[in-house]
Every structure is written in structure tokens, then in C-alpha cells.
Amino acid sequence: MSDVQSDASPSSASKDIAGDIATLKSDIASLIKEMKDLAIREGSRIGQDAAEKISGSASEIYGGVSKQTQRSAEAVGQHVQDWPVSSLLIAFVGGFAISKLFTR
């Protein structure tokens, strides 16, 4: 004789276990869906933050290059004004050398 007797029949217990397993599967599916949604939201936020940083860096670099280009153009213009004949001679020799390189 057994000391512990079950109130439920074996058929009822297996139905309860099957129901618990179904509930567990549903809960796990919901958890996985929430984790995917969270990963997408966080990934999007991280991507947006990175894009903003890159955009800011690109703007700073462009601004620096633009200022340097302007200063270089002004320096060349000043050189041409100060020494027009030598500037003309340098431009002619440079153009001649480039034309000889590209005709070969």
C-alpha cells in the first residue's frame, strides 16, 4: 500500500502537465518576441546615435577643410598678385609638364 495517494487520476495529471507545457511555450514565445523588439529598438537607437556622431564629425571635418582650402586659395592669389611673372611661368611649366605626361 502506498503512503501517498494522488487526488487526481493519471489522465488528469497528464492533462495538467500538457496544459502547463502549452502555457510555458506561450510564455517563452512572448518572451522571445519581447526580446527581439527590445533588440530592434536598442539597435535602432544605437545606430541613430552613431549616425549623429558621424554626421557631427563629418561637418567639423568639412568645415576645417573648407577653411583650409579658402586660406590656400587666398595665399595663392596673394602670391600671384605679388609675383605675377613668376606665377605665369610656374603655371606654364606645370601645364606643359602635365600635357607631356598625358600625351604619352
N, C-alpha and C. Protein backbone atom coordinates (compact mmCIF):
# COMPACT_ATOMS: atom_id res chain seq x y z
N MET A 1 0.83 -1.17 0.00
CA MET A 1 0.00 0.00 0.00
C MET A 1 0.88 1.24 0.00
N SER A 2 0.48 2.21 -0.71
CA SER A 2 1.26 3.43 -0.86
C SER A 2 0.86 4.45 0.19
N ASP A 3 1.88 5.14 0.73
CA ASP A 3 1.61 6.16 1.74
C ASP A 3 1.02 7.42 1.14
N VAL A 4 1.43 7.73 -0.11
CA VAL A 4 0.96 8.96 -0.76
C VAL A 4 0.00 8.57 -1.85
N GLN A 5 -1.20 9.10 -1.78
CA GLN A 5 -2.18 8.81 -2.81
C GLN A 5 -2.53 10.12 -3.50
N SER A 6 -2.63 10.09 -4.78
CA SER A 6 -2.93 11.28 -5.57
C SER A 6 -4.43 11.48 -5.63
N ASP A 7 -4.85 12.75 -5.51
CA ASP A 7 -6.27 13.07 -5.62
C ASP A 7 -6.73 13.02 -7.07
N ALA A 8 -5.77 13.26 -7.98
CA ALA A 8 -6.14 13.30 -9.39
C ALA A 8 -5.74 12.00 -10.05
N SER A 9 -6.47 11.64 -11.05
CA SER A 9 -6.17 10.42 -11.79
C SER A 9 -4.97 10.69 -12.70
N PRO A 10 -4.30 9.63 -13.18
CA PRO A 10 -3.16 9.82 -14.07
C PRO A 10 -3.54 10.59 -15.34
N SER A 11 -4.69 10.39 -15.85
CA SER A 11 -5.14 11.09 -17.05
C SER A 11 -5.28 12.58 -16.77
N SER A 12 -5.81 12.93 -15.62
CA SER A 12 -5.98 14.32 -15.23
C SER A 12 -4.63 14.99 -15.01
N ALA A 13 -3.69 14.30 -14.43
CA ALA A 13 -2.35 14.84 -14.18
C ALA A 13 -1.62 15.11 -15.50
N SER A 14 -1.74 14.20 -16.45
CA SER A 14 -1.07 14.40 -17.73
C SER A 14 -1.71 15.56 -18.49
N LYS A 15 -3.01 15.76 -18.33
CA LYS A 15 -3.67 16.91 -18.96
C LYS A 15 -3.17 18.21 -18.34
N ASP A 16 -2.98 18.19 -17.02
CA ASP A 16 -2.46 19.38 -16.33
C ASP A 16 -1.04 19.70 -16.79
N ILE A 17 -0.23 18.64 -16.92
CA ILE A 17 1.15 18.84 -17.38
C ILE A 17 1.15 19.36 -18.81
N ALA A 18 0.31 18.81 -19.66
CA ALA A 18 0.22 19.27 -21.06
C ALA A 18 -0.21 20.73 -21.11
N GLY A 19 -1.16 21.09 -20.25
CA GLY A 19 -1.61 22.48 -20.19
C GLY A 19 -0.50 23.40 -19.71
N ASP A 20 0.26 22.94 -18.70
CA ASP A 20 1.38 23.73 -18.20
C ASP A 20 2.45 23.91 -19.27
N ILE A 21 2.73 22.85 -20.03
CA ILE A 21 3.72 22.93 -21.10
C ILE A 21 3.26 23.89 -22.18
N ALA A 22 1.99 23.85 -22.53
CA ALA A 22 1.45 24.77 -23.53
C ALA A 22 1.57 26.21 -23.05
N THR A 23 1.25 26.44 -21.78
CA THR A 23 1.38 27.78 -21.21
C THR A 23 2.83 28.23 -21.21
N LEU A 24 3.73 27.32 -20.87
CA LEU A 24 5.16 27.62 -20.85
C LEU A 24 5.65 27.97 -22.25
N LYS A 25 5.22 27.20 -23.26
CA LYS A 25 5.59 27.50 -24.65
C LYS A 25 5.10 28.89 -25.05
N SER A 26 3.88 29.22 -24.68
CA SER A 26 3.32 30.53 -25.00
C SER A 26 4.11 31.64 -24.31
N ASP A 27 4.46 31.43 -23.04
CA ASP A 27 5.23 32.43 -22.30
C ASP A 27 6.62 32.62 -22.92
N ILE A 28 7.24 31.52 -23.31
CA ILE A 28 8.57 31.61 -23.93
C ILE A 28 8.48 32.33 -25.27
N ALA A 29 7.45 32.04 -26.06
CA ALA A 29 7.26 32.73 -27.34
C ALA A 29 7.08 34.23 -27.11
N SER A 30 6.29 34.59 -26.10
CA SER A 30 6.10 36.01 -25.79
C SER A 30 7.40 36.66 -25.34
N LEU A 31 8.17 35.96 -24.55
CA LEU A 31 9.46 36.47 -24.08
C LEU A 31 10.41 36.68 -25.24
N ILE A 32 10.48 35.74 -26.15
CA ILE A 32 11.35 35.85 -27.32
C ILE A 32 10.94 37.05 -28.17
N LYS A 33 9.62 37.22 -28.36
CA LYS A 33 9.14 38.36 -29.14
C LYS A 33 9.53 39.68 -28.48
N GLU A 34 9.38 39.77 -27.18
CA GLU A 34 9.75 40.99 -26.45
C GLU A 34 11.25 41.25 -26.55
N MET A 35 12.05 40.19 -26.46
CA MET A 35 13.50 40.35 -26.57
C MET A 35 13.89 40.85 -27.96
N LYS A 36 13.24 40.33 -29.00
CA LYS A 36 13.52 40.78 -30.36
C LYS A 36 13.14 42.25 -30.51
N ASP A 37 11.97 42.62 -30.02
CA ASP A 37 11.54 44.02 -30.10
C ASP A 37 12.49 44.94 -29.37
N LEU A 38 12.95 44.52 -28.20
CA LEU A 38 13.90 45.32 -27.43
C LEU A 38 15.21 45.46 -28.19
N ALA A 39 15.68 44.36 -28.77
CA ALA A 39 16.93 44.40 -29.54
C ALA A 39 16.81 45.34 -30.74
N ILE A 40 15.67 45.32 -31.40
CA ILE A 40 15.46 46.20 -32.55
C ILE A 40 15.44 47.65 -32.11
N ARG A 41 14.72 47.94 -31.01
CA ARG A 41 14.66 49.32 -30.52
C ARG A 41 16.03 49.82 -30.11
N GLU A 42 16.76 49.00 -29.37
CA GLU A 42 18.09 49.41 -28.90
C GLU A 42 19.06 49.53 -30.06
N GLY A 43 18.99 48.60 -30.99
CA GLY A 43 19.85 48.68 -32.17
C GLY A 43 19.58 49.93 -32.97
N SER A 44 18.32 50.26 -33.11
CA SER A 44 17.95 51.48 -33.83
C SER A 44 18.47 52.72 -33.11
N ARG A 45 18.33 52.73 -31.80
CA ARG A 45 18.80 53.89 -31.02
C ARG A 45 20.31 54.02 -31.12
N ILE A 46 21.02 52.91 -31.01
CA ILE A 46 22.48 52.93 -31.10
C ILE A 46 22.91 53.39 -32.50
N GLY A 47 22.23 52.88 -33.52
CA GLY A 47 22.54 53.29 -34.89
C GLY A 47 22.29 54.77 -35.12
N GLN A 48 21.21 55.27 -34.55
CA GLN A 48 20.89 56.69 -34.71
C GLN A 48 21.93 57.54 -33.98
N ASP A 49 22.34 57.13 -32.79
CA ASP A 49 23.37 57.86 -32.06
C ASP A 49 24.68 57.88 -32.84
N ALA A 50 25.04 56.75 -33.40
CA ALA A 50 26.28 56.67 -34.18
C ALA A 50 26.19 57.55 -35.42
N ALA A 51 25.03 57.55 -36.08
CA ALA A 51 24.86 58.39 -37.27
C ALA A 51 24.97 59.87 -36.92
N GLU A 52 24.42 60.26 -35.77
CA GLU A 52 24.52 61.66 -35.35
C GLU A 52 25.96 62.05 -35.05
N LYS A 53 26.70 61.16 -34.41
CA LYS A 53 28.11 61.44 -34.12
C LYS A 53 28.91 61.55 -35.41
N ILE A 54 28.67 60.62 -36.34
CA ILE A 54 29.39 60.65 -37.61
C ILE A 54 29.05 61.91 -38.38
N SER A 55 27.79 62.28 -38.37
CA SER A 55 27.36 63.49 -39.07
C SER A 55 28.04 64.72 -38.48
N GLY A 56 28.10 64.78 -37.14
CA GLY A 56 28.77 65.90 -36.49
C GLY A 56 30.25 65.94 -36.83
N SER A 57 30.89 64.79 -36.83
CA SER A 57 32.32 64.72 -37.17
C SER A 57 32.54 65.12 -38.63
N ALA A 58 31.67 64.65 -39.50
CA ALA A 58 31.81 64.99 -40.92
C ALA A 58 31.64 66.49 -41.13
N SER A 59 30.71 67.09 -40.42
CA SER A 59 30.50 68.54 -40.54
C SER A 59 31.73 69.30 -40.07
N GLU A 60 32.32 68.85 -38.96
CA GLU A 60 33.53 69.51 -38.45
C GLU A 60 34.68 69.36 -39.44
N ILE A 61 34.84 68.17 -39.99
CA ILE A 61 35.93 67.94 -40.96
C ILE A 61 35.70 68.79 -42.20
N TYR A 62 34.48 68.82 -42.70
CA TYR A 62 34.17 69.63 -43.88
C TYR A 62 34.46 71.10 -43.60
N GLY A 63 34.05 71.57 -42.42
CA GLY A 63 34.31 72.97 -42.08
C GLY A 63 35.79 73.27 -42.03
N GLY A 64 36.58 72.36 -41.45
CA GLY A 64 38.03 72.55 -41.39
C GLY A 64 38.67 72.53 -42.76
N VAL A 65 38.26 71.59 -43.60
CA VAL A 65 38.80 71.50 -44.96
C VAL A 65 38.41 72.74 -45.76
N SER A 66 37.18 73.17 -45.59
CA SER A 66 36.71 74.35 -46.31
C SER A 66 37.53 75.59 -45.93
N LYS A 67 37.78 75.76 -44.64
CA LYS A 67 38.57 76.91 -44.20
C LYS A 67 40.00 76.83 -44.72
N GLN A 68 40.59 75.62 -44.68
CA GLN A 68 41.96 75.44 -45.15
C GLN A 68 42.04 75.70 -46.66
N THR A 69 41.04 75.24 -47.40
CA THR A 69 41.02 75.48 -48.85
C THR A 69 40.92 76.96 -49.15
N GLN A 70 40.09 77.65 -48.40
CA GLN A 70 39.94 79.09 -48.60
C GLN A 70 41.26 79.81 -48.30
N ARG A 71 41.93 79.43 -47.21
CA ARG A 71 43.21 80.06 -46.87
C ARG A 71 44.25 79.78 -47.96
N SER A 72 44.27 78.55 -48.49
CA SER A 72 45.22 78.20 -49.54
C SER A 72 44.95 79.01 -50.81
N ALA A 73 43.69 79.14 -51.16
CA ALA A 73 43.32 79.92 -52.35
C ALA A 73 43.72 81.38 -52.17
N GLU A 74 43.51 81.91 -50.97
CA GLU A 74 43.91 83.30 -50.72
C GLU A 74 45.43 83.45 -50.79
N ALA A 75 46.17 82.45 -50.28
CA ALA A 75 47.63 82.50 -50.33
C ALA A 75 48.12 82.45 -51.77
N VAL A 76 47.52 81.59 -52.58
CA VAL A 76 47.91 81.51 -54.00
C VAL A 76 47.58 82.83 -54.70
N GLY A 77 46.41 83.36 -54.42
CA GLY A 77 46.02 84.65 -55.02
C GLY A 77 46.98 85.77 -54.63
N GLN A 78 47.40 85.77 -53.37
CA GLN A 78 48.34 86.79 -52.91
C GLN A 78 49.69 86.60 -53.60
N HIS A 79 50.12 85.34 -53.77
CA HIS A 79 51.39 85.07 -54.46
C HIS A 79 51.33 85.55 -55.90
N VAL A 80 50.21 85.31 -56.57
CA VAL A 80 50.05 85.75 -57.96
C VAL A 80 50.08 87.27 -58.04
N GLN A 81 49.45 87.94 -57.08
CA GLN A 81 49.48 89.42 -57.08
C GLN A 81 50.88 89.95 -56.80
N ASP A 82 51.61 89.30 -55.91
CA ASP A 82 52.93 89.78 -55.55
C ASP A 82 53.96 89.50 -56.65
N TRP A 83 53.90 88.34 -57.30
CA TRP A 83 54.86 87.95 -58.33
C TRP A 83 54.12 87.42 -59.56
N PRO A 84 53.54 88.29 -60.34
CA PRO A 84 52.73 87.82 -61.47
C PRO A 84 53.54 87.10 -62.56
N VAL A 85 54.74 87.57 -62.86
CA VAL A 85 55.53 86.96 -63.92
C VAL A 85 55.99 85.57 -63.52
N SER A 86 56.49 85.42 -62.31
CA SER A 86 56.95 84.09 -61.89
C SER A 86 55.75 83.13 -61.76
N SER A 87 54.60 83.64 -61.35
CA SER A 87 53.40 82.80 -61.26
C SER A 87 52.98 82.31 -62.65
N LEU A 88 53.06 83.20 -63.63
CA LEU A 88 52.73 82.83 -65.01
C LEU A 88 53.71 81.78 -65.52
N LEU A 89 54.98 81.95 -65.22
CA LEU A 89 55.99 81.00 -65.65
C LEU A 89 55.78 79.63 -64.98
N ILE A 90 55.47 79.62 -63.70
CA ILE A 90 55.20 78.36 -62.97
C ILE A 90 53.98 77.67 -63.57
N ALA A 91 52.91 78.42 -63.87
CA ALA A 91 51.70 77.84 -64.45
C ALA A 91 51.99 77.25 -65.82
N PHE A 92 52.80 77.95 -66.63
CA PHE A 92 53.13 77.47 -67.97
C PHE A 92 53.93 76.18 -67.89
N VAL A 93 54.97 76.15 -67.05
CA VAL A 93 55.81 74.95 -66.92
C VAL A 93 54.97 73.78 -66.38
N GLY A 94 54.13 74.03 -65.40
CA GLY A 94 53.28 72.97 -64.86
C GLY A 94 52.33 72.42 -65.91
N GLY A 95 51.69 73.29 -66.65
CA GLY A 95 50.78 72.85 -67.72
C GLY A 95 51.50 72.09 -68.81
N PHE A 96 52.69 72.55 -69.16
CA PHE A 96 53.49 71.87 -70.19
C PHE A 96 53.88 70.47 -69.73
N ALA A 97 54.31 70.34 -68.48
CA ALA A 97 54.72 69.04 -67.94
C ALA A 97 53.52 68.07 -67.89
N ILE A 98 52.38 68.57 -67.47
CA ILE A 98 51.18 67.71 -67.41
C ILE A 98 50.76 67.28 -68.81
N SER A 99 50.83 68.19 -69.77
CA SER A 99 50.44 67.83 -71.14
C SER A 99 51.36 66.77 -71.71
N LYS A 100 52.65 66.85 -71.39
CA LYS A 100 53.60 65.83 -71.88
C LYS A 100 53.34 64.47 -71.22
N LEU A 101 52.92 64.48 -69.96
CA LEU A 101 52.62 63.22 -69.28
C LEU A 101 51.40 62.53 -69.87
N PHE A 102 50.38 63.31 -70.24
CA PHE A 102 49.14 62.72 -70.73
C PHE A 102 49.16 62.40 -72.22
N THR A 103 50.11 62.97 -72.98
CA THR A 103 50.16 62.66 -74.41
C THR A 103 50.89 61.34 -74.66
N ARG A 104 51.59 60.81 -73.68
CA ARG A 104 52.31 59.55 -73.86
C ARG A 104 51.48 58.40 -73.50
